[in-house]
N, C-alpha and C. Protein backbone atom coordinates (compact mmCIF):
# COMPACT_ATOMS: atom_id res chain seq x y z
N GLN A 1 -0.99 -17.70 -11.07
CA GLN A 1 -0.12 -17.09 -10.08
C GLN A 1 -0.33 -15.58 -10.07
N VAL A 2 -0.45 -15.03 -8.88
CA VAL A 2 -0.69 -13.60 -8.74
C VAL A 2 0.64 -12.86 -8.70
N GLN A 3 0.67 -11.76 -9.38
CA GLN A 3 1.84 -10.88 -9.30
C GLN A 3 1.39 -9.48 -8.92
N LEU A 4 2.12 -8.89 -7.99
CA LEU A 4 1.89 -7.50 -7.60
C LEU A 4 3.15 -6.71 -7.92
N VAL A 5 2.97 -5.60 -8.59
CA VAL A 5 4.12 -4.79 -8.96
C VAL A 5 3.88 -3.37 -8.48
N GLU A 6 4.77 -2.90 -7.60
CA GLU A 6 4.67 -1.53 -7.11
C GLU A 6 5.50 -0.60 -7.97
N SER A 7 5.09 0.64 -8.03
CA SER A 7 5.87 1.66 -8.71
C SER A 7 5.54 3.01 -8.09
N GLY A 8 6.37 4.00 -8.40
CA GLY A 8 6.10 5.35 -7.94
C GLY A 8 6.97 5.83 -6.79
N GLY A 9 7.81 4.96 -6.26
CA GLY A 9 8.68 5.39 -5.18
C GLY A 9 9.75 6.35 -5.67
N GLY A 10 10.47 6.92 -4.73
CA GLY A 10 11.53 7.84 -5.11
C GLY A 10 11.96 8.72 -3.97
N LEU A 11 12.61 9.80 -4.32
CA LEU A 11 13.15 10.75 -3.35
C LEU A 11 12.29 12.01 -3.37
N VAL A 12 11.88 12.46 -2.18
CA VAL A 12 11.01 13.63 -2.11
C VAL A 12 11.39 14.46 -0.89
N GLN A 13 11.24 15.74 -1.02
CA GLN A 13 11.52 16.63 0.10
C GLN A 13 10.36 16.60 1.09
N ALA A 14 10.66 16.80 2.35
CA ALA A 14 9.61 16.86 3.37
C ALA A 14 8.55 17.89 2.98
N GLY A 15 7.30 17.50 3.15
CA GLY A 15 6.19 18.34 2.75
C GLY A 15 5.68 18.04 1.35
N GLY A 16 6.43 17.26 0.61
CA GLY A 16 6.06 16.94 -0.76
C GLY A 16 5.14 15.74 -0.84
N SER A 17 4.89 15.30 -2.07
CA SER A 17 3.94 14.23 -2.33
C SER A 17 4.51 13.19 -3.28
N LEU A 18 4.02 11.98 -3.13
CA LEU A 18 4.29 10.89 -4.06
C LEU A 18 3.02 10.06 -4.19
N ARG A 19 2.88 9.40 -5.32
CA ARG A 19 1.78 8.45 -5.48
C ARG A 19 2.38 7.10 -5.84
N LEU A 20 2.08 6.12 -5.04
CA LEU A 20 2.51 4.75 -5.31
C LEU A 20 1.38 4.00 -6.03
N SER A 21 1.78 3.10 -6.91
CA SER A 21 0.82 2.27 -7.62
C SER A 21 1.13 0.81 -7.37
N CYS A 22 0.08 0.02 -7.29
CA CYS A 22 0.20 -1.43 -7.15
C CYS A 22 -0.65 -2.05 -8.25
N ALA A 23 0.00 -2.72 -9.17
CA ALA A 23 -0.71 -3.37 -10.28
C ALA A 23 -0.76 -4.86 -10.03
N ALA A 24 -1.97 -5.40 -10.06
CA ALA A 24 -2.16 -6.83 -9.82
C ALA A 24 -2.46 -7.54 -11.13
N SER A 25 -1.89 -8.71 -11.29
CA SER A 25 -2.15 -9.51 -12.48
C SER A 25 -2.18 -10.98 -12.11
N GLY A 26 -2.80 -11.78 -12.98
CA GLY A 26 -2.76 -13.22 -12.81
C GLY A 26 -4.00 -13.83 -12.21
N ARG A 27 -4.83 -13.04 -11.54
CA ARG A 27 -6.05 -13.57 -10.93
C ARG A 27 -7.08 -12.46 -10.94
N THR A 28 -7.34 -11.96 -12.10
CA THR A 28 -8.15 -10.76 -12.20
C THR A 28 -9.65 -11.03 -12.14
N PHE A 29 -10.04 -12.32 -12.03
CA PHE A 29 -11.47 -12.60 -11.98
C PHE A 29 -12.04 -12.37 -10.60
N SER A 30 -11.18 -12.20 -9.58
CA SER A 30 -11.67 -11.91 -8.23
C SER A 30 -10.93 -10.71 -7.70
N SER A 31 -11.62 -9.91 -6.92
CA SER A 31 -11.05 -8.66 -6.42
C SER A 31 -10.52 -8.87 -5.01
N PRO A 32 -9.25 -8.66 -4.79
CA PRO A 32 -8.69 -8.92 -3.46
C PRO A 32 -8.79 -7.71 -2.53
N ILE A 33 -8.65 -7.98 -1.25
CA ILE A 33 -8.37 -6.90 -0.31
C ILE A 33 -6.90 -6.53 -0.50
N ILE A 34 -6.62 -5.26 -0.56
CA ILE A 34 -5.26 -4.78 -0.79
C ILE A 34 -4.84 -3.88 0.36
N ALA A 35 -3.60 -4.01 0.76
CA ALA A 35 -3.05 -3.14 1.79
C ALA A 35 -1.65 -2.70 1.40
N TRP A 36 -1.28 -1.58 1.93
CA TRP A 36 0.10 -1.09 1.83
C TRP A 36 0.76 -1.24 3.20
N PHE A 37 1.97 -1.76 3.16
CA PHE A 37 2.80 -1.84 4.35
C PHE A 37 4.12 -1.12 4.05
N ARG A 38 4.85 -0.83 5.10
CA ARG A 38 6.18 -0.26 4.91
C ARG A 38 7.13 -0.83 5.95
N GLN A 39 8.40 -0.81 5.57
CA GLN A 39 9.41 -1.33 6.48
C GLN A 39 10.66 -0.46 6.38
N ALA A 40 11.01 0.13 7.49
CA ALA A 40 12.23 0.92 7.58
C ALA A 40 13.36 0.03 8.07
N PRO A 41 14.61 0.39 7.83
CA PRO A 41 15.74 -0.45 8.28
C PRO A 41 15.69 -0.71 9.78
N GLY A 42 15.82 -1.98 10.13
CA GLY A 42 15.83 -2.35 11.53
C GLY A 42 14.47 -2.37 12.20
N MET A 43 13.43 -2.11 11.43
CA MET A 43 12.09 -2.04 12.00
C MET A 43 11.23 -3.17 11.45
N GLU A 44 10.15 -3.46 12.14
CA GLU A 44 9.20 -4.45 11.64
C GLU A 44 8.34 -3.83 10.54
N ARG A 45 7.81 -4.70 9.71
CA ARG A 45 6.91 -4.24 8.66
C ARG A 45 5.62 -3.76 9.32
N GLU A 46 5.16 -2.58 8.93
CA GLU A 46 3.97 -2.02 9.56
C GLU A 46 2.89 -1.66 8.54
N PHE A 47 1.67 -1.79 8.99
CA PHE A 47 0.50 -1.47 8.18
C PHE A 47 0.45 0.04 7.94
N VAL A 48 0.15 0.42 6.72
CA VAL A 48 -0.01 1.83 6.37
C VAL A 48 -1.46 2.14 6.05
N ALA A 49 -2.02 1.38 5.11
CA ALA A 49 -3.40 1.62 4.69
C ALA A 49 -3.94 0.39 3.99
N GLY A 50 -5.26 0.21 4.03
CA GLY A 50 -5.88 -0.93 3.37
C GLY A 50 -7.21 -0.53 2.77
N ILE A 51 -7.65 -1.33 1.80
CA ILE A 51 -8.89 -1.02 1.11
C ILE A 51 -9.66 -2.30 0.86
N SER A 52 -10.97 -2.21 1.01
CA SER A 52 -11.83 -3.37 0.83
C SER A 52 -11.94 -3.75 -0.64
N ARG A 53 -12.59 -4.89 -0.87
CA ARG A 53 -12.69 -5.41 -2.24
C ARG A 53 -13.40 -4.42 -3.17
N SER A 54 -14.43 -3.80 -2.65
CA SER A 54 -15.21 -2.88 -3.48
C SER A 54 -14.59 -1.49 -3.55
N GLY A 55 -13.69 -1.23 -2.63
CA GLY A 55 -13.13 0.12 -2.55
C GLY A 55 -13.94 1.05 -1.68
N GLY A 56 -15.04 0.54 -1.14
CA GLY A 56 -15.92 1.38 -0.36
C GLY A 56 -15.44 1.67 1.04
N ASN A 57 -14.55 0.84 1.54
CA ASN A 57 -14.02 1.02 2.90
C ASN A 57 -12.51 1.10 2.86
N THR A 58 -11.99 2.09 3.53
CA THR A 58 -10.54 2.25 3.62
C THR A 58 -10.12 2.43 5.06
N TYR A 59 -8.90 2.08 5.35
CA TYR A 59 -8.37 2.13 6.71
C TYR A 59 -6.93 2.64 6.63
N SER A 60 -6.56 3.43 7.61
CA SER A 60 -5.20 3.98 7.63
C SER A 60 -4.61 3.89 9.02
N ALA A 61 -3.31 3.79 9.07
CA ALA A 61 -2.61 3.86 10.36
C ALA A 61 -2.71 5.28 10.89
N ASP A 62 -2.69 5.40 12.20
CA ASP A 62 -2.80 6.73 12.81
C ASP A 62 -1.69 7.66 12.34
N SER A 63 -0.53 7.09 12.09
CA SER A 63 0.63 7.90 11.71
C SER A 63 0.49 8.57 10.35
N VAL A 64 -0.45 8.09 9.53
CA VAL A 64 -0.60 8.65 8.18
C VAL A 64 -1.98 9.23 7.92
N LYS A 65 -2.86 9.13 8.90
CA LYS A 65 -4.22 9.66 8.70
C LYS A 65 -4.19 11.14 8.39
N GLY A 66 -4.98 11.51 7.40
CA GLY A 66 -5.03 12.90 6.99
C GLY A 66 -3.95 13.27 5.99
N ARG A 67 -3.00 12.37 5.79
CA ARG A 67 -1.91 12.66 4.83
C ARG A 67 -1.89 11.67 3.68
N PHE A 68 -2.18 10.40 3.96
CA PHE A 68 -2.14 9.35 2.93
C PHE A 68 -3.56 8.91 2.61
N THR A 69 -3.79 8.62 1.33
CA THR A 69 -5.09 8.13 0.90
C THR A 69 -4.90 6.91 0.01
N ILE A 70 -5.66 5.87 0.29
CA ILE A 70 -5.63 4.68 -0.54
C ILE A 70 -6.90 4.64 -1.37
N PHE A 71 -6.76 4.28 -2.64
CA PHE A 71 -7.93 4.14 -3.50
C PHE A 71 -7.60 3.14 -4.60
N ARG A 72 -8.65 2.65 -5.23
CA ARG A 72 -8.42 1.61 -6.25
C ARG A 72 -9.18 1.92 -7.53
N ASP A 73 -8.61 1.43 -8.60
CA ASP A 73 -9.25 1.45 -9.92
C ASP A 73 -9.49 -0.01 -10.26
N SER A 74 -10.68 -0.49 -9.95
CA SER A 74 -10.95 -1.91 -10.11
C SER A 74 -10.89 -2.36 -11.56
N ALA A 75 -11.23 -1.47 -12.47
CA ALA A 75 -11.21 -1.84 -13.88
C ALA A 75 -9.80 -2.20 -14.33
N LYS A 76 -8.81 -1.59 -13.69
CA LYS A 76 -7.42 -1.84 -14.05
C LYS A 76 -6.72 -2.72 -13.03
N ASN A 77 -7.44 -3.18 -12.02
CA ASN A 77 -6.81 -3.96 -10.94
C ASN A 77 -5.62 -3.23 -10.33
N ASN A 78 -5.75 -1.93 -10.21
CA ASN A 78 -4.69 -1.13 -9.61
C ASN A 78 -5.17 -0.51 -8.30
N VAL A 79 -4.25 -0.42 -7.36
CA VAL A 79 -4.51 0.27 -6.10
C VAL A 79 -3.41 1.31 -5.93
N TYR A 80 -3.80 2.47 -5.44
CA TYR A 80 -2.86 3.57 -5.32
C TYR A 80 -2.75 4.04 -3.88
N LEU A 81 -1.61 4.59 -3.56
CA LEU A 81 -1.42 5.23 -2.26
C LEU A 81 -0.92 6.65 -2.53
N GLN A 82 -1.80 7.60 -2.32
CA GLN A 82 -1.43 9.00 -2.48
C GLN A 82 -0.86 9.49 -1.15
N MET A 83 0.38 9.96 -1.20
CA MET A 83 1.06 10.38 0.02
C MET A 83 1.35 11.87 -0.06
N ASN A 84 0.76 12.63 0.83
CA ASN A 84 0.94 14.07 0.88
C ASN A 84 1.57 14.48 2.21
N SER A 85 2.08 15.69 2.26
CA SER A 85 2.69 16.23 3.49
C SER A 85 3.65 15.22 4.10
N MET A 86 4.51 14.74 3.28
CA MET A 86 5.39 13.65 3.71
C MET A 86 6.44 14.13 4.69
N LYS A 87 6.85 13.19 5.55
CA LYS A 87 7.80 13.48 6.61
C LYS A 87 9.00 12.54 6.48
N PRO A 88 10.13 12.92 7.03
CA PRO A 88 11.30 12.02 6.98
C PRO A 88 11.00 10.64 7.59
N GLU A 89 10.14 10.59 8.57
CA GLU A 89 9.82 9.29 9.19
C GLU A 89 8.97 8.40 8.29
N ASP A 90 8.54 8.91 7.15
CA ASP A 90 7.84 8.07 6.17
C ASP A 90 8.82 7.27 5.30
N THR A 91 10.09 7.54 5.47
CA THR A 91 11.10 6.84 4.69
C THR A 91 11.09 5.35 5.01
N ALA A 92 10.94 4.54 3.96
CA ALA A 92 10.85 3.09 4.12
C ALA A 92 10.73 2.45 2.75
N VAL A 93 10.80 1.14 2.73
CA VAL A 93 10.38 0.39 1.55
C VAL A 93 8.89 0.11 1.70
N TYR A 94 8.14 0.44 0.68
CA TYR A 94 6.69 0.27 0.71
C TYR A 94 6.30 -0.94 -0.13
N TYR A 95 5.43 -1.77 0.46
CA TYR A 95 4.98 -2.99 -0.19
C TYR A 95 3.46 -2.99 -0.31
N CYS A 96 2.97 -3.50 -1.41
CA CYS A 96 1.54 -3.77 -1.45
C CYS A 96 1.34 -5.28 -1.26
N ALA A 97 0.21 -5.62 -0.69
CA ALA A 97 -0.10 -7.00 -0.37
C ALA A 97 -1.56 -7.27 -0.69
N ALA A 98 -1.85 -8.51 -1.07
CA ALA A 98 -3.20 -8.87 -1.48
C ALA A 98 -3.69 -10.09 -0.73
N TYR A 99 -4.99 -10.08 -0.44
CA TYR A 99 -5.65 -11.21 0.20
C TYR A 99 -6.86 -11.59 -0.65
N PHE A 100 -6.89 -12.86 -1.08
CA PHE A 100 -7.96 -13.33 -1.94
C PHE A 100 -8.91 -14.28 -1.21
N GLY A 101 -8.75 -14.45 0.08
CA GLY A 101 -9.56 -15.42 0.81
C GLY A 101 -11.00 -14.98 1.01
N LEU A 102 -11.69 -15.73 1.89
CA LEU A 102 -13.12 -15.50 2.10
C LEU A 102 -13.41 -14.39 3.10
N GLY A 103 -12.44 -14.03 3.92
CA GLY A 103 -12.66 -13.00 4.90
C GLY A 103 -12.90 -11.65 4.26
N SER A 104 -13.61 -10.78 4.99
CA SER A 104 -13.94 -9.49 4.41
C SER A 104 -13.21 -8.32 5.06
N GLY A 105 -12.53 -8.58 6.17
CA GLY A 105 -11.88 -7.48 6.88
C GLY A 105 -10.50 -7.16 6.35
N VAL A 106 -10.10 -5.93 6.50
CA VAL A 106 -8.75 -5.51 6.14
C VAL A 106 -7.84 -5.79 7.34
N GLN A 107 -6.91 -6.68 7.15
CA GLN A 107 -6.01 -7.07 8.23
C GLN A 107 -4.86 -6.09 8.34
N ARG A 108 -4.48 -5.79 9.58
CA ARG A 108 -3.31 -4.93 9.80
C ARG A 108 -2.06 -5.74 10.07
N ASN A 109 -2.22 -7.05 10.18
CA ASN A 109 -1.10 -7.94 10.39
C ASN A 109 -0.60 -8.44 9.04
N PRO A 110 0.70 -8.32 8.77
CA PRO A 110 1.21 -8.78 7.47
C PRO A 110 0.90 -10.25 7.19
N ARG A 111 0.71 -11.04 8.22
CA ARG A 111 0.44 -12.46 8.02
C ARG A 111 -0.92 -12.70 7.41
N GLY A 112 -1.74 -11.69 7.35
CA GLY A 112 -3.07 -11.86 6.78
C GLY A 112 -3.11 -11.78 5.26
N TYR A 113 -1.95 -11.68 4.62
CA TYR A 113 -1.91 -11.48 3.18
C TYR A 113 -1.17 -12.60 2.49
N ASP A 114 -1.67 -12.95 1.32
CA ASP A 114 -1.15 -14.10 0.58
C ASP A 114 -0.05 -13.74 -0.41
N TYR A 115 -0.14 -12.55 -0.96
CA TYR A 115 0.77 -12.16 -2.03
C TYR A 115 1.37 -10.79 -1.73
N TRP A 116 2.62 -10.65 -2.14
CA TRP A 116 3.35 -9.42 -1.89
C TRP A 116 4.09 -8.97 -3.14
N GLY A 117 4.19 -7.65 -3.27
CA GLY A 117 5.04 -7.10 -4.30
C GLY A 117 6.49 -7.07 -3.85
N GLN A 118 7.34 -6.59 -4.72
CA GLN A 118 8.78 -6.60 -4.44
C GLN A 118 9.21 -5.39 -3.61
N GLY A 119 8.34 -4.41 -3.49
CA GLY A 119 8.64 -3.22 -2.72
C GLY A 119 9.21 -2.09 -3.56
N THR A 120 8.96 -0.88 -3.09
CA THR A 120 9.50 0.30 -3.74
C THR A 120 10.01 1.25 -2.66
N GLN A 121 11.19 1.79 -2.88
CA GLN A 121 11.83 2.63 -1.88
C GLN A 121 11.26 4.04 -1.93
N VAL A 122 10.92 4.56 -0.75
CA VAL A 122 10.50 5.95 -0.59
C VAL A 122 11.45 6.60 0.40
N THR A 123 12.05 7.70 -0.01
CA THR A 123 12.97 8.42 0.86
C THR A 123 12.54 9.89 0.94
N VAL A 124 12.32 10.35 2.16
CA VAL A 124 11.90 11.73 2.40
C VAL A 124 13.03 12.45 3.12
N TYR A 125 13.52 13.53 2.53
CA TYR A 125 14.63 14.27 3.14
C TYR A 125 14.14 15.64 3.61
N SER A 126 14.79 16.09 4.67
CA SER A 126 14.38 17.39 5.24
C SER A 126 15.30 18.51 4.77
């Protein structure tokens, strides 16, 4: 059974930075595609950033391009989301998600992922 555990959320002032971590366990013999999603109250869950199995390809939502960076440490089965120049509209619960299937593309639809973490709250105040 795969487990994803997020950490690193918290309260930050606008313009500040946070780094989220996603630690995967339970199926470490294969490297999944990993993505970060976020969900604000009353809103649908939205794609933030994703990374390929090798870490060589990354994708970001337009709303975070140039501010957020996704990267992975495959040796530790960890994926990180570095968030800089944060804005109040970045406030949400952030989730990491994993896909272990045969496809190679990073899906922006939450339905494309098999496993989810419990989420970590990020709050940006102005």
